Amino acid sequence: MSANEDLGRTAEEVRQRILAQISSGQLRAGQKLGAERDLASEYQVSRSTLRIALTALEETGVVRRLPGRGGGTFVSPEKIDRDLSQIVGVPSLLRGQGFTAGTRLISASVMPADAKTQQALGLAEGEHIFDVVRIRLADSVPISLEHARFPAEMFPGLLERPLGNSLYELLSKHYETTPDEAVEQIDLVNATLDEARILEVQLGAPLLAVTRTTMDTKGRKIEFSHDLFRGDRTRITVRTKGRPATPDQPGERGRTVELKEI
């Protein structure tokens, strides 16, 4: 075995040890790892081997390395599980996973629907929509940029109501409208300069773009939205239900998709 192969094997062993420490709770989300010198001594490897292991962990989003005074290597914050089998507002989603939910309202306005929104919501030319742009926060940290549009005629006075919490809950309470079905398209995109600034990520960082059309229990199209979720803080879960399980044919199962750097 060559020296490079041996180095790679040792770095992989260090990577696995750190992953095991995170899984066991010995290393917690947000915790700062020790200095490189101390870590190399703890794992009994050279600093160059340690850096290979840390780089591999950073590339998969397990740790974050921040430069400068007060920087260092940190265990990445816990990811938010976005379960696509449920229609639920972001605040409820966050609270259900132990996060403190927050919202920053960027804009709320009424305007004629553009062609794409007309088609998505089944509106006629010239019909108006309510256009709401918000930043969603988890424990005071931005996790998504949300741009939602609603038929204005269907929800009169919507913009006069509090827009800081779940709009789904607001529609249910004031308009007796309950989301029942959603069609979502998911793409992986890179953060633009403005998106990176708003979401507090680096330029070009991976974002999960979710375009959604939502219907209510009467089959009416009530929402057309485009959300951008931080790739380093989001995990996608998709649940599918098939036939009863047999030895060679699994039944109900869950699938988890994690975003990685691109």
C-alpha atoms as a PDB file:
ATOM      1  CA  MET A   1       0.000   0.000   0.000  1.00  0.00           C
ATOM      2  CA  SER A   2       1.329   3.444  -0.929  1.00  0.00           C
ATOM      3  CA  ALA A   3       1.805   6.295   1.528  1.00  0.00           C
ATOM      4  CA  ASN A   4      -1.124   8.191  -0.040  1.00  0.00           C
ATOM      5  CA  GLU A   5      -3.432   5.192   0.302  1.00  0.00           C
ATOM      6  CA  ASP A   6      -2.379   4.752   3.917  1.00  0.00           C
ATOM      7  CA  LEU A   7      -2.991   8.462   4.557  1.00  0.00           C
ATOM      8  CA  GLY A   8      -6.459   8.234   3.018  1.00  0.00           C
ATOM      9  CA  ARG A   9      -7.324   5.168   5.058  1.00  0.00           C
ATOM     10  CA  THR A  10      -6.237   6.835   8.290  1.00  0.00           C
ATOM     11  CA  ALA A  11      -8.191   9.997   7.440  1.00  0.00           C
ATOM     12  CA  GLU A  12     -11.276   7.850   6.812  1.00  0.00           C
ATOM     13  CA  GLU A  13     -10.844   6.255  10.237  1.00  0.00           C
ATOM     14  CA  VAL A  14     -10.743   9.716  11.826  1.00  0.00           C
ATOM     15  CA  ARG A  15     -13.830  10.756   9.867  1.00  0.00           C
ATOM     16  CA  GLN A  16     -15.713   7.679  11.086  1.00  0.00           C
ATOM     17  CA  ARG A  17     -14.678   8.327  14.690  1.00  0.00           C
ATOM     18  CA  ILE A  18     -15.980  11.907  14.540  1.00  0.00           C
ATOM     19  CA  LEU A  19     -19.241  10.715  12.970  1.00  0.00           C
ATOM     20  CA  ALA A  20     -19.617   8.159  15.761  1.00  0.00           C
ATOM     21  CA  GLN A  21     -19.048  10.863  18.383  1.00  0.00           C
ATOM     22  CA  ILE A  22     -21.771  12.996  16.789  1.00  0.00           C
ATOM     23  CA  SER A  23     -24.199  10.074  16.568  1.00  0.00           C
ATOM     24  CA  SER A  24     -23.650   9.167  20.208  1.00  0.00           C
ATOM     25  CA  GLY A  25     -24.164  12.750  21.383  1.00  0.00           C
ATOM     26  CA  GLN A  26     -20.583  13.119  22.575  1.00  0.00           C
ATOM     27  CA  LEU A  27     -20.303  15.946  20.031  1.00  0.00           C
ATOM     28  CA  ARG A  28     -23.425  18.122  19.841  1.00  0.00           C
ATOM     29  CA  ALA A  29     -24.859  20.347  17.118  1.00  0.00           C
ATOM     30  CA  GLY A  30     -23.129  23.729  17.182  1.00  0.00           C
ATOM     31  CA  GLN A  31     -20.285  22.512  19.373  1.00  0.00           C
ATOM     32  CA  LYS A  32     -16.786  23.731  18.549  1.00  0.00           C
ATOM     33  CA  LEU A  33     -14.153  21.067  18.077  1.00  0.00           C
ATOM     34  CA  GLY A  34     -10.725  21.555  19.604  1.00  0.00           C
ATOM     35  CA  ALA A  35      -7.737  23.154  17.913  1.00  0.00           C
ATOM     36  CA  GLU A  36      -6.081  21.134  15.137  1.00  0.00           C
ATOM     37  CA  ARG A  37      -3.077  20.403  17.320  1.00  0.00           C
ATOM     38  CA  ASP A  38      -5.285  19.011  20.087  1.00  0.00           C
ATOM     39  CA  LEU A  39      -7.481  17.025  17.688  1.00  0.00           C
ATOM     40  CA  ALA A  40      -4.456  15.499  15.964  1.00  0.00           C
ATOM     41  CA  SER A  41      -3.148  14.436  19.351  1.00  0.00           C
ATOM     42  CA  GLU A  42      -6.526  13.024  20.403  1.00  0.00           C
ATOM     43  CA  TYR A  43      -6.879  10.899  17.270  1.00  0.00           C
ATOM     44  CA  GLN A  44      -3.143  10.150  17.127  1.00  0.00           C
ATOM     45  CA  VAL A  45      -2.668  11.324  13.550  1.00  0.00           C
ATOM     46  CA  SER A  46      -0.716  14.055  11.814  1.00  0.00           C
ATOM     47  CA  ARG A  47      -2.334  17.445  11.251  1.00  0.00           C
ATOM     48  CA  SER A  48      -2.332  16.865   7.489  1.00  0.00           C
ATOM     49  CA  THR A  49      -4.292  13.622   7.989  1.00  0.00           C
ATOM     50  CA  LEU A  50      -6.707  15.413  10.303  1.00  0.00           C
ATOM     51  CA  ARG A  51      -7.300  18.150   7.695  1.00  0.00           C
ATOM     52  CA  ILE A  52      -8.216  15.528   5.089  1.00  0.00           C
ATOM     53  CA  ALA A  53     -10.807  14.065   7.465  1.00  0.00           C
ATOM     54  CA  LEU A  54     -12.229  17.488   8.344  1.00  0.00           C
ATOM     55  CA  THR A  55     -12.423  18.485   4.688  1.00  0.00           C
ATOM     56  CA  ALA A  56     -14.413  15.340   3.901  1.00  0.00           C
ATOM     57  CA  LEU A  57     -16.795  16.079   6.777  1.00  0.00           C
ATOM     58  CA  GLU A  58     -17.189  19.694   5.655  1.00  0.00           C
ATOM     59  CA  GLU A  59     -17.980  18.667   2.082  1.00  0.00           C
ATOM     60  CA  THR A  60     -20.920  16.584   3.294  1.00  0.00           C
ATOM     61  CA  GLY A  61     -22.168  19.288   5.667  1.00  0.00           C
ATOM     62  CA  VAL A  62     -21.346  17.464   8.899  1.00  0.00           C
ATOM     63  CA  VAL A  63     -19.042  20.206  10.160  1.00  0.00           C
ATOM     64  CA  ARG A  64     -18.460  23.873   9.336  1.00  0.00           C
ATOM     65  CA  ARG A  65     -15.051  25.545   9.374  1.00  0.00           C
ATOM     66  CA  LEU A  66     -15.051  29.290   9.989  1.00  0.00           C
ATOM     67  CA  PRO A  67     -11.940  31.467   9.533  1.00  0.00           C
ATOM     68  CA  GLY A  68     -10.652  34.282  11.717  1.00  0.00           C
ATOM     69  CA  ARG A  69     -10.695  35.038  15.412  1.00  0.00           C
ATOM     70  CA  GLY A  70     -13.500  33.123  17.060  1.00  0.00           C
ATOM     71  CA  GLY A  71     -13.567  30.720  14.131  1.00  0.00           C
ATOM     72  CA  GLY A  72     -12.683  27.057  14.094  1.00  0.00           C
ATOM     73  CA  THR A  73     -14.436  23.789  13.284  1.00  0.00           C
ATOM     74  CA  PHE A  74     -18.016  23.387  14.478  1.00  0.00           C
ATOM     75  CA  VAL A  75     -20.506  20.535  14.346  1.00  0.00           C
ATOM     76  CA  SER A  76     -23.201  21.698  11.925  1.00  0.00           C
ATOM     77  CA  PRO A  77     -26.628  22.616  13.343  1.00  0.00           C
ATOM     78  CA  GLU A  78     -29.366  20.022  13.176  1.00  0.00           C
ATOM     79  CA  LYS A  79     -31.204  19.797   9.868  1.00  0.00           C
ATOM     80  CA  ILE A  80     -34.877  20.590   9.461  1.00  0.00           C
ATOM     81  CA  ASP A  81     -36.881  17.653   8.169  1.00  0.00           C
ATOM     82  CA  ARG A  82     -39.163  18.793   5.327  1.00  0.00           C
ATOM     83  CA  ASP A  83     -41.716  15.982   5.014  1.00  0.00           C
ATOM     84  CA  LEU A  84     -43.371  16.273   1.603  1.00  0.00           C
ATOM     85  CA  SER A  85     -46.149  13.859   2.570  1.00  0.00           C
ATOM     86  CA  GLN A  86     -47.687  16.546   4.806  1.00  0.00           C
ATOM     87  CA  ILE A  87     -49.128  19.983   4.074  1.00  0.00           C
ATOM     88  CA  VAL A  88     -48.091  22.058   7.043  1.00  0.00           C
ATOM     89  CA  GLY A  89     -46.961  25.629   7.600  1.00  0.00           C
ATOM     90  CA  VAL A  90     -43.295  26.263   8.313  1.00  0.00           C
ATOM     91  CA  PRO A  91     -43.919  27.504  11.903  1.00  0.00           C
ATOM     92  CA  SER A  92     -45.725  24.266  12.799  1.00  0.00           C
ATOM     93  CA  LEU A  93     -43.022  22.272  11.033  1.00  0.00           C
ATOM     94  CA  LEU A  94     -40.293  23.965  13.061  1.00  0.00           C
ATOM     95  CA  ARG A  95     -42.097  23.808  16.405  1.00  0.00           C
ATOM     96  CA  GLY A  96     -42.756  20.114  15.893  1.00  0.00           C
ATOM     97  CA  GLN A  97     -39.009  19.528  15.624  1.00  0.00           C
ATOM     98  CA  GLY A  98     -38.031  21.581  18.660  1.00  0.00           C
ATOM     99  CA  PHE A  99     -37.013  24.809  16.917  1.00  0.00           C
ATOM    100  CA  THR A 100     -38.185  28.301  17.787  1.00  0.00           C
ATOM    101  CA  ALA A 101     -39.980  29.606  14.698  1.00  0.00           C
ATOM    102  CA  GLY A 102     -39.703  33.201  13.526  1.00  0.00           C
ATOM    103  CA  THR A 103     -40.669  35.296  10.507  1.00  0.00           C
ATOM    104  CA  ARG A 104     -39.450  38.492   8.856  1.00  0.00           C
ATOM    105  CA  LEU A 105     -41.978  40.023   6.493  1.00  0.00           C
ATOM    106  CA  ILE A 106     -40.196  41.432   3.440  1.00  0.00           C
ATOM    107  CA  SER A 107     -43.175  42.627   1.404  1.00  0.00           C
ATOM    108  CA  ALA A 108     -46.934  42.194   1.035  1.00  0.00           C
ATOM    109  CA  SER A 109     -48.776  43.689  -1.906  1.00  0.00           C
ATOM    110  CA  VAL A 110     -51.683  43.296  -4.315  1.00  0.00           C
ATOM    111  CA  MET A 111     -50.991  43.168  -8.045  1.00  0.00           C
ATOM    112  CA  PRO A 112     -52.276  41.720 -11.311  1.00  0.00           C
ATOM    113  CA  ALA A 113     -51.273  38.083 -11.699  1.00  0.00           C
ATOM    114  CA  ASP A 114     -48.437  37.424 -14.135  1.00  0.00           C
ATOM    115  CA  ALA A 115     -48.893  34.792 -16.836  1.00  0.00           C
ATOM    116  CA  LYS A 116     -47.187  32.011 -14.843  1.00  0.00           C
ATOM    117  CA  THR A 117     -49.278  32.660 -11.740  1.00  0.00           C
ATOM    118  CA  GLN A 118     -52.459  32.921 -13.833  1.00  0.00           C
ATOM    119  CA  GLN A 119     -51.804  29.477 -15.240  1.00  0.00           C
ATOM    120  CA  ALA A 120     -50.874  27.959 -11.869  1.00  0.00           C
ATOM    121  CA  LEU A 121     -53.956  29.317 -10.074  1.00  0.00           C
ATOM    122  CA  GLY A 122     -56.382  29.117 -13.007  1.00  0.00           C
ATOM    123  CA  LEU A 123     -56.978  32.879 -13.053  1.00  0.00           C
ATOM    124  CA  ALA A 124     -58.222  35.012 -15.902  1.00  0.00           C
ATOM    125  CA  GLU A 125     -56.123  37.799 -17.369  1.00  0.00           C
ATOM    126  CA  GLY A 126     -56.327  40.913 -15.217  1.00  0.00           C
ATOM    127  CA  GLU A 127     -57.270  39.117 -11.999  1.00  0.00           C
ATOM    128  CA  HIS A 128     -55.311  40.212  -8.946  1.00  0.00           C
ATOM    129  CA  ILE A 129     -53.266  38.292  -6.421  1.00  0.00           C
ATOM    130  CA  PHE A 130     -51.852  38.919  -2.983  1.00  0.00           C
ATOM    131  CA  ASP A 131     -48.067  38.624  -3.149  1.00  0.00           C
ATOM    132  CA  VAL A 132     -46.273  37.866   0.143  1.00  0.00           C
ATOM    133  CA  VAL A 133     -42.493  37.515   0.588  1.00  0.00           C
ATOM    134  CA  ARG A 134     -41.115  36.370   3.957  1.00  0.00           C
ATOM    135  CA  ILE A 135     -37.957  35.013   5.556  1.00  0.00           C
ATOM    136  CA  ARG A 136     -38.460  32.034   7.851  1.00  0.00           C
ATOM    137  CA  LEU A 137     -36.225  31.643  10.901  1.00  0.00           C
ATOM    138  CA  ALA A 138     -35.287  28.621  12.997  1.00  0.00           C
ATOM    139  CA  ASP A 139     -33.804  29.596  16.363  1.00  0.00           C
ATOM    140  CA  SER A 140     -33.289  33.128  14.940  1.00  0.00           C
ATOM    141  CA  VAL A 141     -31.306  31.824  11.933  1.00  0.00           C
ATOM    142  CA  PRO A 142     -32.728  32.246   8.378  1.00  0.00           C
ATOM    143  CA  ILE A 143     -33.614  28.884   6.856  1.00  0.00           C
ATOM    144  CA  SER A 144     -35.904  29.765   3.949  1.00  0.00           C
ATOM    145  CA  LEU A 145     -37.026  32.576   1.675  1.00  0.00           C
ATOM    146  CA  GLU A 146     -40.728  32.221   0.909  1.00  0.00           C
ATOM    147  CA  HIS A 147     -42.621  33.870  -1.969  1.00  0.00           C
ATOM    148  CA  ALA A 148     -46.343  33.015  -1.888  1.00  0.00           C
ATOM    149  CA  ARG A 149     -49.217  34.209  -4.090  1.00  0.00           C
ATOM    150  CA  PHE A 150     -52.956  33.888  -3.361  1.00  0.00           C
ATOM    151  CA  PRO A 151     -56.082  34.773  -5.400  1.00  0.00           C
ATOM    152  CA  ALA A 152     -57.155  38.194  -4.113  1.00  0.00           C
ATOM    153  CA  GLU A 153     -60.863  37.671  -4.819  1.00  0.00           C
ATOM    154  CA  MET A 154     -60.884  34.477  -2.757  1.00  0.00           C
ATOM    155  CA  PHE A 155     -59.324  36.030   0.370  1.00  0.00           C
ATOM    156  CA  PRO A 156     -60.491  39.655   0.764  1.00  0.00           C
ATOM    157  CA  GLY A 157     -58.590  41.616   3.393  1.00  0.00           C
ATOM    158  CA  LEU A 158     -55.794  39.052   3.668  1.00  0.00           C
ATOM    159  CA  LEU A 159     -53.005  41.636   3.760  1.00  0.00           C
ATOM    160  CA  GLU A 160     -54.695  43.450   6.652  1.00  0.00           C
ATOM    161  CA  ARG A 161     -54.272  40.398   8.864  1.00  0.00           C
ATOM    162  CA  PRO A 162     -51.115  39.329  10.793  1.00  0.00           C
ATOM    163  CA  LEU A 163     -48.756  37.681   8.300  1.00  0.00           C
ATOM    164  CA  GLY A 164     -46.024  36.592  10.693  1.00  0.00           C
ATOM    165  CA  ASN A 165     -47.272  33.099  11.443  1.00  0.00           C
ATOM    166  CA  SER A 166     -48.667  30.251   9.340  1.00  0.00           C
ATOM    167  CA  LEU A 167     -50.766  31.516   6.436  1.00  0.00           C
ATOM    168  CA  TYR A 168     -52.434  28.105   6.263  1.00  0.00           C
ATOM    169  CA  GLU A 169     -53.671  28.562   9.826  1.00  0.00           C
ATOM    170  CA  LEU A 170     -54.812  32.088   8.947  1.00  0.00           C
ATOM    171  CA  LEU A 171     -56.772  30.844   5.911  1.00  0.00           C
ATOM    172  CA  SER A 172     -58.415  28.159   8.018  1.00  0.00           C
ATOM    173  CA  LYS A 173     -59.361  30.546  10.829  1.00  0.00           C
ATOM    174  CA  HIS A 174     -60.631  33.533   8.832  1.00  0.00           C
ATOM    175  CA  TYR A 175     -61.687  32.061   5.469  1.00  0.00           C
ATOM    176  CA  GLU A 176     -62.684  28.472   6.366  1.00  0.00           C
ATOM    177  CA  THR A 177     -60.198  27.244   3.790  1.00  0.00           C
ATOM    178  CA  THR A 178     -58.080  24.194   4.533  1.00  0.00           C
ATOM    179  CA  PRO A 179     -55.168  23.039   2.330  1.00  0.00           C
ATOM    180  CA  ASP A 180     -55.849  19.507   1.181  1.00  0.00           C
ATOM    181  CA  GLU A 181     -53.470  18.700  -1.675  1.00  0.00           C
ATOM    182  CA  ALA A 182     -50.246  20.142  -3.045  1.00  0.00           C
ATOM    183  CA  VAL A 183     -48.156  19.561  -6.137  1.00  0.00           C
ATOM    184  CA  GLU A 184     -44.502  20.368  -5.482  1.00  0.00           C
ATOM    185  CA  GLN A 185     -41.563  20.517  -7.864  1.00  0.00           C
ATOM    186  CA  ILE A 186     -38.075  20.444  -6.345  1.00  0.00           C
ATOM    187  CA  ASP A 187     -34.857  21.748  -7.857  1.00  0.00           C
ATOM    188  CA  LEU A 188     -31.364  22.273  -6.530  1.00  0.00           C
ATOM    189  CA  VAL A 189     -30.057  25.761  -7.311  1.00  0.00           C
ATOM    190  CA  ASN A 190     -27.130  27.970  -6.339  1.00  0.00           C
ATOM    191  CA  ALA A 191     -27.665  31.056  -4.192  1.00  0.00           C
ATOM    192  CA  THR A 192     -27.502  34.383  -5.999  1.00  0.00           C
ATOM    193  CA  LEU A 193     -25.870  37.382  -4.333  1.00  0.00           C
ATOM    194  CA  ASP A 194     -29.173  38.661  -2.891  1.00  0.00           C
ATOM    195  CA  GLU A 195     -30.323  35.195  -1.817  1.00  0.00           C
ATOM    196  CA  ALA A 196     -26.977  34.511  -0.131  1.00  0.00           C
ATOM    197  CA  ARG A 197     -27.224  37.798   1.768  1.00  0.00           C
ATOM    198  CA  ILE A 198     -30.796  37.160   2.900  1.00  0.00           C
ATOM    199  CA  LEU A 199     -30.220  33.537   3.937  1.00  0.00           C
ATOM    200  CA  GLU A 200     -26.755  34.209   5.392  1.00  0.00           C
ATOM    201  CA  VAL A 201     -24.954  31.670   3.213  1.00  0.00           C
ATOM    202  CA  GLN A 202     -22.066  31.939   0.799  1.00  0.00           C
ATOM    203  CA  LEU A 203     -22.578  33.015  -2.800  1.00  0.00           C
ATOM    204  CA  GLY A 204     -23.322  29.887  -4.838  1.00  0.00           C
ATOM    205  CA  ALA A 205     -24.313  27.787  -1.802  1.00  0.00           C
ATOM    206  CA  PRO A 206     -26.830  24.999  -2.590  1.00  0.00           C
ATOM    207  CA  LEU A 207     -30.477  25.882  -2.039  1.00  0.00           C
ATOM    208  CA  LEU A 208     -33.528  23.678  -2.282  1.00  0.00           C
ATOM    209  CA  ALA A 209     -36.070  25.403  -4.568  1.00  0.00           C
ATOM    210  CA  VAL A 210     -39.645  24.207  -3.990  1.00  0.00           C
ATOM    211  CA  THR A 211     -42.378  25.395  -6.375  1.00  0.00           C
ATOM    212  CA  ARG A 212     -45.801  24.521  -4.987  1.00  0.00           C
ATOM    213  CA  THR A 213     -49.430  24.749  -6.096  1.00  0.00           C
ATOM    214  CA  THR A 214     -51.876  24.079  -3.250  1.00  0.00           C
ATOM    215  CA  MET A 215     -55.546  23.073  -3.471  1.00  0.00           C
ATOM    216  CA  ASP A 216     -58.181  23.204  -0.726  1.00  0.00           C
ATOM    217  CA  THR A 217     -60.787  20.606   0.237  1.00  0.00           C
ATOM    218  CA  LYS A 218     -63.092  21.931  -2.504  1.00  0.00           C
ATOM    219  CA  GLY A 219     -60.441  21.424  -5.166  1.00  0.00           C
ATOM    220  CA  ARG A 220     -59.805  25.159  -5.602  1.00  0.00           C
ATOM    221  CA  LYS A 221     -56.255  26.362  -6.276  1.00  0.00           C
ATOM    222  CA  ILE A 222     -55.476  28.642  -3.361  1.00  0.00           C
ATOM    223  CA  GLU A 223     -51.697  29.145  -3.401  1.00  0.00           C
ATOM    224  CA  PHE A 224     -48.797  29.308  -5.824  1.00  0.00           C
ATOM    225  CA  SER A 225     -45.442  29.667  -4.136  1.00  0.00           C
ATOM    226  CA  HIS A 226     -41.711  29.437  -4.650  1.00  0.00           C
ATOM    227  CA  ASP A 227     -39.603  28.715  -1.563  1.00  0.00           C
ATOM    228  CA  LEU A 228     -35.839  28.571  -1.197  1.00  0.00           C
ATOM    229  CA  PHE A 229     -34.520  26.432   1.674  1.00  0.00           C
ATOM    230  CA  ARG A 230     -30.906  26.407   2.827  1.00  0.00           C
ATOM    231  CA  GLY A 231     -29.250  23.213   1.644  1.00  0.00           C
ATOM    232  CA  ASP A 232     -27.064  22.958   4.737  1.00  0.00           C
ATOM    233  CA  ARG A 233     -30.078  23.065   7.057  1.00  0.00           C
ATOM    234  CA  THR A 234     -32.691  21.037   5.168  1.00  0.00           C
ATOM    235  CA  ARG A 235     -33.436  17.345   4.820  1.00  0.00           C
ATOM    236  CA  ILE A 236     -36.209  16.136   2.504  1.00  0.00           C
ATOM    237  CA  THR A 237     -38.344  13.145   3.463  1.00  0.00           C
ATOM    238  CA  VAL A 238     -40.699  11.508   0.963  1.00  0.00           C
ATOM    239  CA  ARG A 239     -43.108   8.825   2.143  1.00  0.00           C
ATOM    240  CA  THR A 240     -44.602   6.409  -0.373  1.00  0.00           C
ATOM    241  CA  LYS A 241     -47.176   3.713   0.215  1.00  0.00           C
ATOM    242  CA  GLY A 242     -47.204   0.590  -1.917  1.00  0.00           C
ATOM    243  CA  ARG A 243     -48.752  -2.851  -1.790  1.00  0.00           C
ATOM    244  CA  PRO A 244     -48.536  -5.026   1.349  1.00  0.00           C
ATOM    245  CA  ALA A 245     -44.974  -6.161   1.938  1.00  0.00           C
ATOM    246  CA  THR A 246     -43.818  -9.537   0.662  1.00  0.00           C
ATOM    247  CA  PRO A 247     -40.360 -11.130   0.919  1.00  0.00           C
ATOM    248  CA  ASP A 248     -39.360  -9.618  -2.421  1.00  0.00           C
ATOM    249  CA  GLN A 249     -41.736  -6.647  -2.528  1.00  0.00           C
ATOM    250  CA  PRO A 250     -41.452  -4.031   0.240  1.00  0.00           C
ATOM    251  CA  GLY A 251     -44.563  -2.208   1.331  1.00  0.00           C
ATOM    252  CA  GLU A 252     -44.777   1.246   2.891  1.00  0.00           C
ATOM    253  CA  ARG A 253     -41.430   2.936   3.154  1.00  0.00           C
ATOM    254  CA  GLY A 254     -39.834   6.298   3.732  1.00  0.00           C
ATOM    255  CA  ARG A 255     -37.168   7.897   1.611  1.00  0.00           C
ATOM    256  CA  THR A 256     -34.845  10.626   2.770  1.00  0.00           C
ATOM    257  CA  VAL A 257     -32.973  12.923   0.420  1.00  0.00           C
ATOM    258  CA  GLU A 258     -30.112  15.055   1.732  1.00  0.00           C
ATOM    259  CA  LEU A 259     -28.637  18.028  -0.096  1.00  0.00           C
ATOM    260  CA  LYS A 260     -24.918  18.099  -0.691  1.00  0.00           C
ATOM    261  CA  GLU A 261     -22.612  20.786  -2.051  1.00  0.00           C
ATOM    262  CA  ILE A 262     -22.669  21.242  -5.815  1.00  0.00           C
END
